[in-house]
Amino acid sequence: MAEMLGMARFSTLFLALLIASPALYAGFVTHDLDTQTALLRLLIAVPVAAIMLAVFRVVTRDYGKTAEEKPPAEATGGEPLKAEAVAGEPFPQRRAEDNNG
């Protein structure tokens, strides 16, 4: 399960550090909190951050992808677009006998 949640990712550890930063500050800088308690809060923050980021990844996994979208070559069957499709009106066609050269 640790592989699925990504507990050892840099983003997870950074978010855990950010979540536990008030406790770490109180434990190591101002000494208002016991050091063990501050480290325990950091230890608890790691799986919490992993779950938060896993949910975020699941929600944004398919962002920008739709089932209807296809690459342009597949949408036209590999054929180039006709001028009528781009301009919206038909262009006059040339006859073979109009070609003088």
Protein backbone atom coordinates (compact mmCIF):
# COMPACT_ATOMS: atom_id res chain seq x y z
CA MET A 1 0.00 0.00 0.00
CA ALA A 2 2.95 2.31 0.53
CA GLU A 3 3.74 2.10 -3.18
CA MET A 4 0.22 3.12 -4.06
CA LEU A 5 0.17 6.12 -1.76
CA GLY A 6 3.75 7.19 -2.48
CA MET A 7 4.94 7.88 1.06
CA ALA A 8 8.58 8.26 0.03
CA ARG A 9 7.95 10.86 -2.66
CA PHE A 10 9.52 14.27 -2.24
CA SER A 11 6.14 15.97 -2.51
CA THR A 12 4.69 13.80 0.24
CA LEU A 13 7.57 14.41 2.60
CA PHE A 14 7.51 18.14 1.87
CA LEU A 15 3.78 18.35 2.55
CA ALA A 16 4.23 16.38 5.78
CA LEU A 17 6.97 18.78 6.83
CA LEU A 18 4.68 21.68 6.02
CA ILE A 19 1.81 20.15 8.01
CA ALA A 20 4.02 19.43 11.03
CA SER A 21 6.02 22.66 10.84
CA PRO A 22 4.20 24.39 13.74
CA ALA A 23 4.92 21.42 16.00
CA LEU A 24 8.53 21.21 14.82
CA TYR A 25 9.00 24.93 15.43
CA ALA A 26 7.53 24.62 18.90
CA GLY A 27 9.66 21.59 19.64
CA PHE A 28 13.03 22.68 18.30
CA VAL A 29 13.03 26.49 18.32
CA THR A 30 10.87 27.74 21.17
CA HIS A 31 11.05 24.51 23.24
CA ASP A 32 7.36 24.86 24.20
CA LEU A 33 6.75 21.28 23.03
CA ASP A 34 8.59 18.09 23.81
CA THR A 35 10.94 16.97 21.01
CA GLN A 36 9.45 13.49 20.92
CA THR A 37 5.96 14.92 20.53
CA ALA A 38 7.08 17.15 17.67
CA LEU A 39 8.69 14.20 15.86
CA LEU A 40 5.64 12.04 16.52
CA ARG A 41 3.47 14.69 14.89
CA LEU A 42 5.80 14.66 11.88
CA LEU A 43 5.55 10.88 11.76
CA ILE A 44 1.77 11.08 11.80
CA ALA A 45 1.78 13.80 9.14
CA VAL A 46 3.57 11.59 6.58
CA PRO A 47 0.70 9.11 5.93
CA VAL A 48 -1.83 11.95 6.17
CA ALA A 49 0.06 13.86 3.47
CA ALA A 50 0.38 10.68 1.37
CA ILE A 51 -3.38 10.13 1.49
CA MET A 52 -4.07 13.78 0.67
CA LEU A 53 -1.77 13.71 -2.36
CA ALA A 54 -3.10 10.31 -3.49
CA VAL A 55 -6.64 11.70 -3.51
CA PHE A 56 -5.41 14.76 -5.40
CA ARG A 57 -3.69 12.55 -7.98
CA VAL A 58 -6.83 10.44 -8.46
CA VAL A 59 -8.99 13.52 -8.93
CA THR A 60 -6.62 15.16 -11.44
CA ARG A 61 -5.49 11.98 -13.23
CA ASP A 62 -7.78 12.44 -16.24
CA TYR A 63 -7.79 16.24 -16.31
CA GLY A 64 -7.83 17.49 -19.88
CA LYS A 65 -8.49 14.06 -21.41
CA THR A 66 -11.81 13.23 -23.00
CA ALA A 67 -12.98 10.06 -24.70
CA GLU A 68 -14.28 11.96 -27.73
CA GLU A 69 -11.00 13.68 -28.54
CA LYS A 70 -8.91 11.98 -31.18
CA PRO A 71 -5.72 13.08 -32.93
CA PRO A 72 -6.39 15.03 -36.17
CA ALA A 73 -5.17 12.21 -38.43
CA GLU A 74 -7.68 9.76 -36.98
CA ALA A 75 -10.55 12.23 -37.04
CA THR A 76 -10.30 12.75 -40.80
CA GLY A 77 -9.39 9.18 -41.65
CA GLY A 78 -5.85 10.18 -42.60
CA GLU A 79 -7.06 12.30 -45.51
CA PRO A 80 -6.25 16.01 -45.74
CA LEU A 81 -9.07 18.42 -45.00
CA LYS A 82 -10.94 19.80 -47.97
CA ALA A 83 -11.04 23.55 -48.44
CA GLU A 84 -14.82 23.55 -48.06
CA ALA A 85 -14.50 22.18 -44.55
CA VAL A 86 -12.14 24.99 -43.56
CA ALA A 87 -13.71 27.95 -45.40
CA GLY A 88 -17.36 26.88 -45.12
CA GLU A 89 -18.19 27.45 -48.77
CA PRO A 90 -17.25 25.48 -51.89
CA PHE A 91 -14.39 26.62 -54.07
CA PRO A 92 -14.75 26.63 -57.88
CA GLN A 93 -13.28 23.48 -59.44
CA ARG A 94 -11.02 23.58 -62.48
CA ARG A 95 -11.80 21.50 -65.51
CA ALA A 96 -9.09 19.55 -67.27
CA GLU A 97 -9.54 21.54 -70.53
CA ASP A 98 -9.07 24.86 -68.65
CA ASN A 99 -5.50 23.92 -67.87
CA ASN A 100 -3.27 25.62 -70.51
CA GLY A 101 0.02 24.30 -69.45
